[in-house]
Amino acid sequence: MSTAAGYIVFEGGDGAGKTTQIEALAQWLRAQGRTVLLTREPGGTDLGRQIRELVLHGDHVDPRAEALLFAADRAHHIATLVRPALERAEIVLQDRYLDSSIAYQGQGRDLVPDEIRGLSMWATRELLPELTVVLDVDPVLGRARRGDVHDRLEREADDFHARVREQFLAMAQTAPERYLVLDASLPRDELAAAIRARVAPLIGASA
C-alpha cells in the first residue's frame, strides 16, 4: 500500500460542491507555480467516458457488474493517467476515487464494503491519495442542489444517499491524517480557505 504525494481526491455525496472546490484549489495551486492535472472517475480517460455513460446514463446495471465496471475504469485511469502525472511531479486533483465505490456500491448497493475496497486496491496496485477531502452534505440538501437533472445514482432514494454519507464519514474516522471532512453547507470561500490551509503544508506553501 502506497500513499502518493501530490495526489488529492475529493469525495462526498451528490450535490456536495466538489467541482467548485476542485476548480478553486487548482487555481490557487497554479498561482503557486504548480502543474495541476484535473480528472475524475469515471470519465478521466476515453475508456472512462464510455464506462461513465454505461453506468450513469444507460439501462439498469446489476450492482456487481456496476462495481466491476467502476473498478475497470479505475485500473485503466490510474495506470494510464494518474501514475504518469504523479511521476512527472504534477499535482493530481481528482473528483471521486475508491471511497466512492466503497460508499455507493459497498454500502449503498448493500454489497460488502471491504470486498469493494479490496477490488479497488487490487485494480490500482494499492495506490492511496495523500489527502482525501470529504465534502459532507445532507442528502436532502444535495438533492435540492442537483435540481432536476439526475443520473442513475443520483435518482436513488434519500435513504440510499444517507447510507453513502455514513460510509464516507466512517472511512474518514479510520485515518484522520489522510482525510479532511468539511460541512458542505458552509460558504464556498470558507470551504476553499479550509482546503488551502490543509493542502499548503503538503506542498510547502503558505495558505
N, C-alpha and C. Protein backbone atom coordinates (compact mmCIF):
# COMPACT_ATOMS: atom_id res chain seq x y z
N MET A 1 0.84 -1.19 0.00
CA MET A 1 0.00 0.00 0.00
C MET A 1 0.88 1.24 0.00
N SER A 2 0.61 2.19 -0.92
CA SER A 2 1.43 3.38 -1.01
C SER A 2 0.56 4.62 -1.05
N THR A 3 1.00 5.68 -0.36
CA THR A 3 0.32 6.97 -0.40
C THR A 3 1.11 7.88 -1.32
N ALA A 4 0.45 8.44 -2.31
CA ALA A 4 1.14 9.21 -3.34
C ALA A 4 1.14 10.70 -3.02
N ALA A 5 2.33 11.27 -2.87
CA ALA A 5 2.46 12.71 -2.65
C ALA A 5 1.91 13.47 -3.84
N GLY A 6 1.14 14.51 -3.56
CA GLY A 6 0.57 15.32 -4.64
C GLY A 6 -0.71 14.78 -5.22
N TYR A 7 -1.23 13.71 -4.64
CA TYR A 7 -2.47 13.11 -5.14
C TYR A 7 -3.58 13.45 -4.15
N ILE A 8 -4.51 14.30 -4.59
CA ILE A 8 -5.58 14.81 -3.73
C ILE A 8 -6.93 14.48 -4.36
N VAL A 9 -7.76 13.82 -3.58
CA VAL A 9 -9.06 13.34 -4.07
C VAL A 9 -10.18 14.07 -3.33
N PHE A 10 -11.23 14.36 -4.05
CA PHE A 10 -12.42 14.96 -3.45
C PHE A 10 -13.56 13.95 -3.49
N GLU A 11 -14.18 13.75 -2.33
CA GLU A 11 -15.28 12.81 -2.21
C GLU A 11 -16.47 13.50 -1.55
N GLY A 12 -17.61 12.83 -1.56
CA GLY A 12 -18.81 13.35 -0.92
C GLY A 12 -20.03 12.99 -1.72
N GLY A 13 -21.18 13.20 -1.11
CA GLY A 13 -22.43 12.88 -1.77
C GLY A 13 -22.70 13.78 -2.96
N ASP A 14 -23.67 13.37 -3.77
CA ASP A 14 -24.04 14.16 -4.94
C ASP A 14 -24.61 15.50 -4.48
N GLY A 15 -24.14 16.56 -5.11
CA GLY A 15 -24.58 17.90 -4.74
C GLY A 15 -23.74 18.55 -3.67
N ALA A 16 -22.59 17.93 -3.34
CA ALA A 16 -21.74 18.47 -2.27
C ALA A 16 -20.93 19.68 -2.69
N GLY A 17 -20.75 19.87 -4.00
CA GLY A 17 -19.97 21.01 -4.48
C GLY A 17 -18.52 20.69 -4.76
N LYS A 18 -18.23 19.43 -5.08
CA LYS A 18 -16.85 19.01 -5.32
C LYS A 18 -16.22 19.76 -6.49
N THR A 19 -16.95 19.90 -7.59
CA THR A 19 -16.39 20.55 -8.78
C THR A 19 -15.95 21.97 -8.48
N THR A 20 -16.77 22.70 -7.76
CA THR A 20 -16.45 24.09 -7.40
C THR A 20 -15.16 24.17 -6.60
N GLN A 21 -15.01 23.28 -5.62
CA GLN A 21 -13.83 23.33 -4.76
C GLN A 21 -12.59 22.81 -5.46
N ILE A 22 -12.73 21.83 -6.33
CA ILE A 22 -11.59 21.35 -7.11
C ILE A 22 -11.05 22.47 -7.99
N GLU A 23 -11.94 23.18 -8.65
CA GLU A 23 -11.51 24.26 -9.54
C GLU A 23 -10.85 25.39 -8.76
N ALA A 24 -11.39 25.70 -7.57
CA ALA A 24 -10.80 26.76 -6.75
C ALA A 24 -9.40 26.36 -6.28
N LEU A 25 -9.24 25.10 -5.87
CA LEU A 25 -7.92 24.65 -5.42
C LEU A 25 -6.93 24.62 -6.58
N ALA A 26 -7.38 24.20 -7.74
CA ALA A 26 -6.50 24.16 -8.91
C ALA A 26 -6.00 25.56 -9.25
N GLN A 27 -6.88 26.53 -9.20
CA GLN A 27 -6.48 27.92 -9.50
C GLN A 27 -5.42 28.39 -8.52
N TRP A 28 -5.61 28.09 -7.23
CA TRP A 28 -4.64 28.51 -6.22
C TRP A 28 -3.31 27.80 -6.41
N LEU A 29 -3.34 26.49 -6.68
CA LEU A 29 -2.11 25.74 -6.87
C LEU A 29 -1.32 26.25 -8.07
N ARG A 30 -2.02 26.57 -9.15
CA ARG A 30 -1.33 27.09 -10.33
C ARG A 30 -0.71 28.45 -10.04
N ALA A 31 -1.35 29.23 -9.18
CA ALA A 31 -0.77 30.51 -8.78
C ALA A 31 0.50 30.32 -7.96
N GLN A 32 0.65 29.14 -7.36
CA GLN A 32 1.88 28.80 -6.63
C GLN A 32 2.95 28.25 -7.56
N GLY A 33 2.64 28.18 -8.85
CA GLY A 33 3.60 27.69 -9.83
C GLY A 33 3.58 26.18 -10.02
N ARG A 34 2.53 25.52 -9.53
CA ARG A 34 2.47 24.07 -9.65
C ARG A 34 1.69 23.65 -10.89
N THR A 35 2.12 22.55 -11.49
CA THR A 35 1.40 21.96 -12.62
C THR A 35 0.32 21.04 -12.06
N VAL A 36 -0.91 21.24 -12.50
CA VAL A 36 -2.05 20.53 -11.93
C VAL A 36 -2.80 19.76 -13.01
N LEU A 37 -3.13 18.52 -12.70
CA LEU A 37 -4.00 17.71 -13.55
C LEU A 37 -5.33 17.55 -12.85
N LEU A 38 -6.41 17.95 -13.52
CA LEU A 38 -7.76 17.73 -13.01
C LEU A 38 -8.36 16.53 -13.73
N THR A 39 -8.91 15.61 -12.96
CA THR A 39 -9.50 14.43 -13.56
C THR A 39 -10.66 13.93 -12.70
N ARG A 40 -11.33 12.91 -13.17
CA ARG A 40 -12.48 12.39 -12.43
C ARG A 40 -12.67 10.91 -12.72
N GLU A 41 -13.42 10.27 -11.83
CA GLU A 41 -13.83 8.88 -12.05
C GLU A 41 -15.34 8.77 -11.85
N PRO A 42 -15.98 8.04 -12.79
CA PRO A 42 -15.42 7.62 -14.08
C PRO A 42 -15.41 8.79 -15.06
N GLY A 43 -14.60 8.67 -16.10
CA GLY A 43 -14.61 9.66 -17.16
C GLY A 43 -13.33 10.39 -17.40
N GLY A 44 -12.25 10.03 -16.71
CA GLY A 44 -11.00 10.74 -16.89
C GLY A 44 -10.23 10.34 -18.14
N THR A 45 -10.62 9.25 -18.76
CA THR A 45 -9.97 8.77 -19.99
C THR A 45 -11.05 8.48 -21.03
N ASP A 46 -10.64 8.17 -22.26
CA ASP A 46 -11.62 7.81 -23.29
C ASP A 46 -12.42 6.58 -22.86
N LEU A 47 -11.72 5.57 -22.35
CA LEU A 47 -12.43 4.38 -21.86
C LEU A 47 -13.36 4.76 -20.72
N GLY A 48 -12.88 5.62 -19.82
CA GLY A 48 -13.70 6.03 -18.69
C GLY A 48 -14.97 6.74 -19.10
N ARG A 49 -14.90 7.53 -20.17
CA ARG A 49 -16.10 8.22 -20.63
C ARG A 49 -17.13 7.23 -21.16
N GLN A 50 -16.67 6.17 -21.79
CA GLN A 50 -17.60 5.14 -22.25
C GLN A 50 -18.23 4.40 -21.07
N ILE A 51 -17.41 4.09 -20.08
CA ILE A 51 -17.93 3.40 -18.89
C ILE A 51 -18.88 4.32 -18.13
N ARG A 52 -18.55 5.59 -18.05
CA ARG A 52 -19.43 6.55 -17.37
C ARG A 52 -20.82 6.55 -17.99
N GLU A 53 -20.86 6.54 -19.30
CA GLU A 53 -22.15 6.54 -19.99
C GLU A 53 -22.94 5.27 -19.67
N LEU A 54 -22.25 4.15 -19.59
CA LEU A 54 -22.92 2.88 -19.29
C LEU A 54 -23.49 2.86 -17.88
N VAL A 55 -22.67 3.23 -16.90
CA VAL A 55 -23.08 3.04 -15.51
C VAL A 55 -23.96 4.18 -14.97
N LEU A 56 -23.83 5.38 -15.54
CA LEU A 56 -24.60 6.50 -15.01
C LEU A 56 -25.79 6.89 -15.87
N HIS A 57 -25.74 6.59 -17.15
CA HIS A 57 -26.80 7.08 -18.03
C HIS A 57 -27.43 5.98 -18.88
N GLY A 58 -26.98 4.73 -18.73
CA GLY A 58 -27.54 3.64 -19.51
C GLY A 58 -28.70 2.98 -18.81
N ASP A 59 -29.02 1.78 -19.28
CA ASP A 59 -30.09 1.00 -18.69
C ASP A 59 -29.62 0.40 -17.37
N HIS A 60 -30.50 -0.35 -16.72
CA HIS A 60 -30.18 -0.97 -15.44
C HIS A 60 -28.90 -1.80 -15.54
N VAL A 61 -28.05 -1.67 -14.54
CA VAL A 61 -26.83 -2.47 -14.44
C VAL A 61 -26.86 -3.20 -13.11
N ASP A 62 -26.64 -4.51 -13.15
CA ASP A 62 -26.60 -5.28 -11.91
C ASP A 62 -25.56 -4.69 -10.96
N PRO A 63 -25.84 -4.62 -9.65
CA PRO A 63 -24.91 -3.99 -8.71
C PRO A 63 -23.48 -4.53 -8.78
N ARG A 64 -23.32 -5.86 -8.93
CA ARG A 64 -21.97 -6.40 -9.01
C ARG A 64 -21.28 -6.01 -10.32
N ALA A 65 -22.05 -6.00 -11.39
CA ALA A 65 -21.49 -5.55 -12.67
C ALA A 65 -21.10 -4.08 -12.58
N GLU A 66 -21.95 -3.29 -11.91
CA GLU A 66 -21.65 -1.87 -11.72
C GLU A 66 -20.32 -1.69 -10.98
N ALA A 67 -20.13 -2.45 -9.91
CA ALA A 67 -18.89 -2.36 -9.14
C ALA A 67 -17.68 -2.74 -9.99
N LEU A 68 -17.82 -3.76 -10.81
CA LEU A 68 -16.72 -4.20 -11.66
C LEU A 68 -16.40 -3.17 -12.74
N LEU A 69 -17.42 -2.53 -13.28
CA LEU A 69 -17.18 -1.51 -14.30
C LEU A 69 -16.43 -0.32 -13.70
N PHE A 70 -16.83 0.10 -12.51
CA PHE A 70 -16.10 1.19 -11.86
C PHE A 70 -14.65 0.79 -11.59
N ALA A 71 -14.43 -0.45 -11.17
CA ALA A 71 -13.07 -0.92 -10.90
C ALA A 71 -12.25 -0.98 -12.19
N ALA A 72 -12.86 -1.39 -13.29
CA ALA A 72 -12.16 -1.44 -14.57
C ALA A 72 -11.72 -0.04 -15.00
N ASP A 73 -12.64 0.91 -14.88
CA ASP A 73 -12.28 2.30 -15.18
C ASP A 73 -11.13 2.76 -14.31
N ARG A 74 -11.19 2.41 -13.02
CA ARG A 74 -10.18 2.87 -12.06
C ARG A 74 -8.80 2.29 -12.40
N ALA A 75 -8.76 1.03 -12.74
CA ALA A 75 -7.48 0.41 -13.07
C ALA A 75 -6.84 1.12 -14.27
N HIS A 76 -7.62 1.35 -15.30
CA HIS A 76 -7.11 2.00 -16.51
C HIS A 76 -6.72 3.45 -16.23
N HIS A 77 -7.56 4.14 -15.50
CA HIS A 77 -7.34 5.55 -15.19
C HIS A 77 -6.04 5.76 -14.42
N ILE A 78 -5.83 4.95 -13.40
CA ILE A 78 -4.62 5.09 -12.58
C ILE A 78 -3.38 4.76 -13.40
N ALA A 79 -3.45 3.67 -14.16
CA ALA A 79 -2.27 3.20 -14.90
C ALA A 79 -1.88 4.15 -16.02
N THR A 80 -2.87 4.73 -16.70
CA THR A 80 -2.56 5.49 -17.92
C THR A 80 -2.54 7.00 -17.73
N LEU A 81 -3.16 7.50 -16.65
CA LEU A 81 -3.24 8.95 -16.49
C LEU A 81 -2.65 9.43 -15.15
N VAL A 82 -3.11 8.84 -14.05
CA VAL A 82 -2.73 9.37 -12.74
C VAL A 82 -1.28 9.08 -12.39
N ARG A 83 -0.87 7.81 -12.47
CA ARG A 83 0.52 7.49 -12.12
C ARG A 83 1.53 8.26 -12.99
N PRO A 84 1.33 8.31 -14.31
CA PRO A 84 2.29 9.09 -15.12
C PRO A 84 2.36 10.56 -14.70
N ALA A 85 1.23 11.16 -14.35
CA ALA A 85 1.24 12.56 -13.92
C ALA A 85 2.00 12.72 -12.60
N LEU A 86 1.77 11.81 -11.67
CA LEU A 86 2.48 11.87 -10.39
C LEU A 86 3.98 11.67 -10.58
N GLU A 87 4.35 10.80 -11.51
CA GLU A 87 5.77 10.58 -11.79
C GLU A 87 6.42 11.82 -12.40
N ARG A 88 5.63 12.66 -13.04
CA ARG A 88 6.14 13.93 -13.58
C ARG A 88 6.12 15.03 -12.52
N ALA A 89 5.78 14.66 -11.27
CA ALA A 89 5.72 15.60 -10.14
C ALA A 89 4.59 16.61 -10.29
N GLU A 90 3.55 16.25 -11.04
CA GLU A 90 2.36 17.10 -11.11
C GLU A 90 1.47 16.82 -9.90
N ILE A 91 0.62 17.77 -9.59
CA ILE A 91 -0.40 17.56 -8.56
C ILE A 91 -1.67 17.09 -9.25
N VAL A 92 -2.21 16.01 -8.78
CA VAL A 92 -3.44 15.45 -9.36
C VAL A 92 -4.60 15.75 -8.42
N LEU A 93 -5.60 16.46 -8.94
CA LEU A 93 -6.84 16.71 -8.22
C LEU A 93 -7.93 15.89 -8.88
N GLN A 94 -8.52 15.00 -8.11
CA GLN A 94 -9.44 14.03 -8.71
C GLN A 94 -10.81 14.06 -8.04
N ASP A 95 -11.83 14.07 -8.87
CA ASP A 95 -13.22 14.01 -8.42
C ASP A 95 -13.63 12.54 -8.35
N ARG A 96 -13.68 12.01 -7.13
CA ARG A 96 -14.05 10.63 -6.79
C ARG A 96 -12.92 9.63 -7.06
N TYR A 97 -12.85 8.66 -6.15
CA TYR A 97 -11.87 7.58 -6.26
C TYR A 97 -12.47 6.35 -5.58
N LEU A 98 -11.65 5.52 -4.98
CA LEU A 98 -12.14 4.24 -4.47
C LEU A 98 -13.15 4.39 -3.33
N ASP A 99 -13.06 5.48 -2.54
CA ASP A 99 -14.03 5.66 -1.46
C ASP A 99 -15.46 5.74 -2.00
N SER A 100 -15.61 6.29 -3.20
CA SER A 100 -16.95 6.38 -3.79
C SER A 100 -17.51 4.99 -4.08
N SER A 101 -16.67 4.10 -4.57
CA SER A 101 -17.14 2.73 -4.82
C SER A 101 -17.52 2.04 -3.51
N ILE A 102 -16.69 2.24 -2.49
CA ILE A 102 -16.97 1.62 -1.19
C ILE A 102 -18.30 2.16 -0.65
N ALA A 103 -18.53 3.46 -0.80
CA ALA A 103 -19.74 4.07 -0.26
C ALA A 103 -20.97 3.76 -1.12
N TYR A 104 -20.87 3.93 -2.43
CA TYR A 104 -22.04 3.78 -3.29
C TYR A 104 -22.37 2.31 -3.59
N GLN A 105 -21.36 1.54 -3.99
CA GLN A 105 -21.64 0.15 -4.29
C GLN A 105 -21.57 -0.72 -3.03
N GLY A 106 -20.56 -0.50 -2.18
CA GLY A 106 -20.42 -1.32 -0.99
C GLY A 106 -21.53 -1.12 0.00
N GLN A 107 -21.83 0.14 0.32
CA GLN A 107 -22.85 0.43 1.33
C GLN A 107 -24.19 0.73 0.70
N GLY A 108 -24.20 1.61 -0.30
CA GLY A 108 -25.48 1.97 -0.91
C GLY A 108 -26.17 0.81 -1.59
N ARG A 109 -25.40 0.00 -2.32
CA ARG A 109 -25.98 -1.14 -3.04
C ARG A 109 -26.04 -2.41 -2.18
N ASP A 110 -25.66 -2.29 -0.91
CA ASP A 110 -25.70 -3.44 0.01
C ASP A 110 -24.78 -4.57 -0.41
N LEU A 111 -23.68 -4.24 -1.08
CA LEU A 111 -22.62 -5.21 -1.27
C LEU A 111 -21.72 -5.12 -0.03
N VAL A 112 -20.60 -5.79 0.00
CA VAL A 112 -19.75 -5.77 1.19
C VAL A 112 -18.67 -4.71 1.02
N PRO A 113 -18.68 -3.64 1.84
CA PRO A 113 -17.70 -2.57 1.65
C PRO A 113 -16.26 -3.06 1.61
N ASP A 114 -15.88 -4.00 2.47
CA ASP A 114 -14.49 -4.48 2.48
C ASP A 114 -14.13 -5.20 1.19
N GLU A 115 -15.10 -5.90 0.60
CA GLU A 115 -14.83 -6.58 -0.67
C GLU A 115 -14.66 -5.57 -1.80
N ILE A 116 -15.48 -4.53 -1.80
CA ILE A 116 -15.36 -3.49 -2.82
C ILE A 116 -14.03 -2.76 -2.68
N ARG A 117 -13.62 -2.51 -1.43
CA ARG A 117 -12.33 -1.87 -1.20
C ARG A 117 -11.20 -2.76 -1.72
N GLY A 118 -11.27 -4.04 -1.43
CA GLY A 118 -10.24 -4.96 -1.90
C GLY A 118 -10.15 -4.99 -3.41
N LEU A 119 -11.30 -4.94 -4.08
CA LEU A 119 -11.32 -4.92 -5.54
C LEU A 119 -10.60 -3.69 -6.09
N SER A 120 -10.88 -2.53 -5.51
CA SER A 120 -10.25 -1.30 -5.98
C SER A 120 -8.77 -1.26 -5.64
N MET A 121 -8.40 -1.77 -4.49
CA MET A 121 -6.98 -1.79 -4.12
C MET A 121 -6.20 -2.68 -5.09
N TRP A 122 -6.78 -3.79 -5.48
CA TRP A 122 -6.13 -4.66 -6.46
C TRP A 122 -6.04 -3.95 -7.81
N ALA A 123 -7.11 -3.28 -8.21
CA ALA A 123 -7.15 -2.62 -9.52
C ALA A 123 -6.11 -1.51 -9.63
N THR A 124 -5.82 -0.85 -8.52
CA THR A 124 -4.92 0.31 -8.54
C THR A 124 -3.52 0.00 -8.02
N ARG A 125 -3.26 -1.26 -7.74
CA ARG A 125 -2.00 -1.65 -7.10
C ARG A 125 -1.79 -0.87 -5.80
N GLU A 126 -2.90 -0.72 -5.07
CA GLU A 126 -2.92 -0.19 -3.70
C GLU A 126 -2.45 1.26 -3.61
N LEU A 127 -2.79 2.05 -4.61
CA LEU A 127 -2.44 3.47 -4.58
C LEU A 127 -3.47 4.25 -3.77
N LEU A 128 -3.01 4.99 -2.77
CA LEU A 128 -3.88 5.83 -1.96
C LEU A 128 -3.48 7.30 -2.11
N PRO A 129 -4.46 8.20 -2.06
CA PRO A 129 -4.13 9.63 -2.15
C PRO A 129 -3.45 10.13 -0.89
N GLU A 130 -2.69 11.19 -1.06
CA GLU A 130 -2.08 11.83 0.10
C GLU A 130 -3.15 12.47 0.98
N LEU A 131 -4.19 13.00 0.35
CA LEU A 131 -5.28 13.65 1.08
C LEU A 131 -6.60 13.38 0.37
N THR A 132 -7.61 13.06 1.15
CA THR A 132 -8.97 12.94 0.64
C THR A 132 -9.84 13.98 1.34
N VAL A 133 -10.40 14.89 0.56
CA VAL A 133 -11.30 15.91 1.08
C VAL A 133 -12.72 15.40 0.95
N VAL A 134 -13.41 15.24 2.07
CA VAL A 134 -14.80 14.79 2.06
C VAL A 134 -15.70 15.99 2.32
N LEU A 135 -16.49 16.35 1.33
CA LEU A 135 -17.48 17.41 1.49
C LEU A 135 -18.78 16.75 1.93
N ASP A 136 -19.09 16.90 3.19
CA ASP A 136 -20.22 16.21 3.80
C ASP A 136 -21.51 16.98 3.57
N VAL A 137 -22.45 16.34 2.88
CA VAL A 137 -23.70 17.01 2.55
C VAL A 137 -24.89 16.16 2.99
N ASP A 138 -25.87 16.80 3.59
CA ASP A 138 -27.11 16.12 3.92
C ASP A 138 -27.81 15.74 2.61
N PRO A 139 -28.34 14.51 2.52
CA PRO A 139 -28.97 14.09 1.26
C PRO A 139 -30.08 15.00 0.77
N VAL A 140 -30.84 15.59 1.69
CA VAL A 140 -31.92 16.49 1.29
C VAL A 140 -31.35 17.74 0.64
N LEU A 141 -30.30 18.30 1.22
CA LEU A 141 -29.64 19.47 0.63
C LEU A 141 -29.01 19.10 -0.71
N GLY A 142 -28.38 17.94 -0.77
CA GLY A 142 -27.77 17.51 -2.02
C GLY A 142 -28.78 17.40 -3.14
N ARG A 143 -29.95 16.85 -2.83
CA ARG A 143 -30.99 16.71 -3.85
C ARG A 143 -31.47 18.08 -4.31
N ALA A 144 -31.63 19.01 -3.37
CA ALA A 144 -32.07 20.35 -3.75
C ALA A 144 -31.06 21.04 -4.64
N ARG A 145 -29.77 20.84 -4.36
CA ARG A 145 -28.72 21.47 -5.16
C ARG A 145 -28.64 20.89 -6.57
N ARG A 146 -28.94 19.59 -6.70
CA ARG A 146 -28.81 18.95 -8.00
C ARG A 146 -29.89 19.39 -8.98
N GLY A 147 -31.01 19.84 -8.49
CA GLY A 147 -32.08 20.26 -9.37
C GLY A 147 -32.77 19.08 -10.04
N ASP A 148 -33.14 19.26 -11.30
CA ASP A 148 -33.95 18.26 -11.99
C ASP A 148 -33.16 17.28 -12.84
N VAL A 149 -31.84 17.45 -12.93
CA VAL A 149 -31.02 16.57 -13.76
C VAL A 149 -30.36 15.53 -12.87
N HIS A 150 -30.67 14.24 -13.12
CA HIS A 150 -30.16 13.19 -12.25
C HIS A 150 -29.66 12.01 -13.08
N ASP A 151 -28.50 11.43 -12.65
CA ASP A 151 -28.06 10.19 -13.28
C ASP A 151 -28.63 9.02 -12.47
N ARG A 152 -28.24 7.79 -12.81
CA ARG A 152 -28.82 6.62 -12.17
C ARG A 152 -28.59 6.60 -10.66
N LEU A 153 -27.41 7.01 -10.22
CA LEU A 153 -27.13 7.02 -8.79
C LEU A 153 -27.81 8.19 -8.09
N GLU A 154 -27.81 9.33 -8.73
CA GLU A 154 -28.46 10.50 -8.12
C GLU A 154 -29.96 10.28 -7.92
N ARG A 155 -30.57 9.45 -8.77
CA ARG A 155 -32.01 9.21 -8.67
C ARG A 155 -32.39 8.31 -7.50
N GLU A 156 -31.41 7.68 -6.87
CA GLU A 156 -31.73 6.80 -5.75
C GLU A 156 -32.37 7.60 -4.60
N ALA A 157 -33.14 6.86 -3.77
CA ALA A 157 -33.87 7.50 -2.67
C ALA A 157 -32.92 8.07 -1.63
N ASP A 158 -33.46 8.95 -0.79
CA ASP A 158 -32.63 9.61 0.23
C ASP A 158 -32.01 8.63 1.20
N ASP A 159 -32.67 7.49 1.48
CA ASP A 159 -32.08 6.52 2.41
C ASP A 159 -30.82 5.90 1.81
N PHE A 160 -30.78 5.72 0.51
CA PHE A 160 -29.57 5.26 -0.18
C PHE A 160 -28.45 6.27 0.04
N HIS A 161 -28.74 7.54 -0.19
CA HIS A 161 -27.72 8.57 -0.05
C HIS A 161 -27.32 8.77 1.42
N ALA A 162 -28.23 8.47 2.34
CA ALA A 162 -27.88 8.54 3.76
C ALA A 162 -26.86 7.46 4.10
N ARG A 163 -27.03 6.25 3.55
CA ARG A 163 -26.06 5.18 3.78
C ARG A 163 -24.70 5.53 3.19
N VAL A 164 -24.73 6.12 2.01
CA VAL A 164 -23.49 6.56 1.36
C VAL A 164 -22.77 7.58 2.25
N ARG A 165 -23.52 8.54 2.75
CA ARG A 165 -22.93 9.57 3.61
C ARG A 165 -22.31 8.97 4.86
N GLU A 166 -23.00 8.05 5.49
CA GLU A 166 -22.48 7.41 6.70
C GLU A 166 -21.18 6.67 6.42
N GLN A 167 -21.09 6.04 5.25
CA GLN A 167 -19.88 5.31 4.90
C GLN A 167 -18.70 6.24 4.68
N PHE A 168 -18.92 7.36 4.00
CA PHE A 168 -17.84 8.34 3.82
C PHE A 168 -17.30 8.80 5.18
N LEU A 169 -18.19 9.12 6.09
CA LEU A 169 -17.78 9.62 7.40
C LEU A 169 -17.07 8.53 8.20
N ALA A 170 -17.54 7.31 8.08
CA ALA A 170 -16.89 6.20 8.80
C ALA A 170 -15.48 5.98 8.29
N MET A 171 -15.28 6.05 6.98
CA MET A 171 -13.94 5.86 6.42
C MET A 171 -13.00 6.97 6.87
N ALA A 172 -13.50 8.20 6.91
CA ALA A 172 -12.66 9.32 7.33
C ALA A 172 -12.20 9.16 8.77
N GLN A 173 -13.04 8.57 9.61
CA GLN A 173 -12.67 8.40 11.02
C GLN A 173 -11.54 7.39 11.21
N THR A 174 -11.38 6.49 10.25
CA THR A 174 -10.35 5.45 10.41
C THR A 174 -8.95 5.97 10.14
N ALA A 175 -8.83 7.08 9.42
CA ALA A 175 -7.50 7.61 9.06
C ALA A 175 -7.55 9.13 8.99
N PRO A 176 -7.74 9.81 10.12
CA PRO A 176 -7.90 11.27 10.09
C PRO A 176 -6.70 12.01 9.51
N GLU A 177 -5.52 11.38 9.53
CA GLU A 177 -4.34 12.04 8.96
C GLU A 177 -4.42 12.13 7.44
N ARG A 178 -5.26 11.33 6.82
CA ARG A 178 -5.38 11.35 5.36
C ARG A 178 -6.69 11.98 4.88
N TYR A 179 -7.52 12.42 5.81
CA TYR A 179 -8.83 12.96 5.43
C TYR A 179 -9.02 14.37 5.98
N LEU A 180 -9.78 15.15 5.24
CA LEU A 180 -10.28 16.43 5.70
C LEU A 180 -11.79 16.42 5.46
N VAL A 181 -12.57 16.43 6.52
CA VAL A 181 -14.03 16.41 6.41
C VAL A 181 -14.55 17.81 6.67
N LEU A 182 -15.35 18.32 5.72
CA LEU A 182 -15.88 19.67 5.83
C LEU A 182 -17.39 19.66 5.59
N ASP A 183 -18.08 20.54 6.28
CA ASP A 183 -19.52 20.70 6.12
C ASP A 183 -19.79 21.42 4.80
N ALA A 184 -20.38 20.70 3.85
CA ALA A 184 -20.58 21.25 2.51
C ALA A 184 -21.59 22.39 2.47
N SER A 185 -22.32 22.61 3.57
CA SER A 185 -23.29 23.71 3.59
C SER A 185 -22.64 25.05 3.91
N LEU A 186 -21.35 25.04 4.28
CA LEU A 186 -20.65 26.28 4.58
C LEU A 186 -20.44 27.11 3.30
N PRO A 187 -20.20 28.42 3.43
CA PRO A 187 -19.95 29.25 2.25
C PRO A 187 -18.76 28.74 1.43
N ARG A 188 -18.83 28.92 0.14
CA ARG A 188 -17.80 28.39 -0.77
C ARG A 188 -16.41 28.90 -0.42
N ASP A 189 -16.30 30.19 -0.14
CA ASP A 189 -14.99 30.77 0.16
C ASP A 189 -14.42 30.20 1.46
N GLU A 190 -15.29 29.95 2.43
CA GLU A 190 -14.84 29.37 3.69
C GLU A 190 -14.31 27.96 3.49
N LEU A 191 -15.02 27.19 2.68
CA LEU A 191 -14.56 25.84 2.36
C LEU A 191 -13.23 25.88 1.62
N ALA A 192 -13.12 26.76 0.64
CA ALA A 192 -11.89 26.86 -0.14
C ALA A 192 -10.70 27.22 0.74
N ALA A 193 -10.92 28.12 1.70
CA ALA A 193 -9.84 28.52 2.60
C ALA A 193 -9.40 27.36 3.49
N ALA A 194 -10.36 26.58 3.97
CA ALA A 194 -10.03 25.44 4.81
C ALA A 194 -9.25 24.38 4.03
N ILE A 195 -9.61 24.20 2.78
CA ILE A 195 -8.90 23.23 1.94
C ILE A 195 -7.48 23.71 1.67
N ARG A 196 -7.32 24.99 1.34
CA ARG A 196 -5.98 25.52 1.10
C ARG A 196 -5.10 25.37 2.35
N ALA A 197 -5.68 25.62 3.52
CA ALA A 197 -4.91 25.52 4.76
C ALA A 197 -4.40 24.10 4.99
N ARG A 198 -5.17 23.11 4.58
CA ARG A 198 -4.74 21.71 4.76
C ARG A 198 -3.74 21.31 3.68
N VAL A 199 -3.91 21.83 2.48
CA VAL A 199 -3.04 21.44 1.37
C VAL A 199 -1.69 22.15 1.42
N ALA A 200 -1.67 23.39 1.88
CA ALA A 200 -0.45 24.20 1.84
C ALA A 200 0.77 23.50 2.43
N PRO A 201 0.69 22.91 3.64
CA PRO A 201 1.87 22.23 4.17
C PRO A 201 2.33 21.04 3.32
N LEU A 202 1.41 20.44 2.61
CA LEU A 202 1.77 19.29 1.78
C LEU A 202 2.65 19.68 0.61
N ILE A 203 2.52 20.94 0.17
CA ILE A 203 3.30 21.39 -1.00
C ILE A 203 4.34 22.43 -0.61
N GLY A 204 4.47 22.68 0.68
CA GLY A 204 5.47 23.64 1.14
C GLY A 204 5.14 25.07 0.81
N ALA A 205 3.83 25.39 0.88
CA ALA A 205 3.39 26.76 0.55
C ALA A 205 2.66 27.35 1.74
N SER A 206 2.36 28.63 1.66
CA SER A 206 1.57 29.32 2.67
C SER A 206 0.15 29.47 2.19
N ALA A 207 -0.82 29.17 3.06
CA ALA A 207 -2.22 29.31 2.66
C ALA A 207 -2.63 30.75 2.56
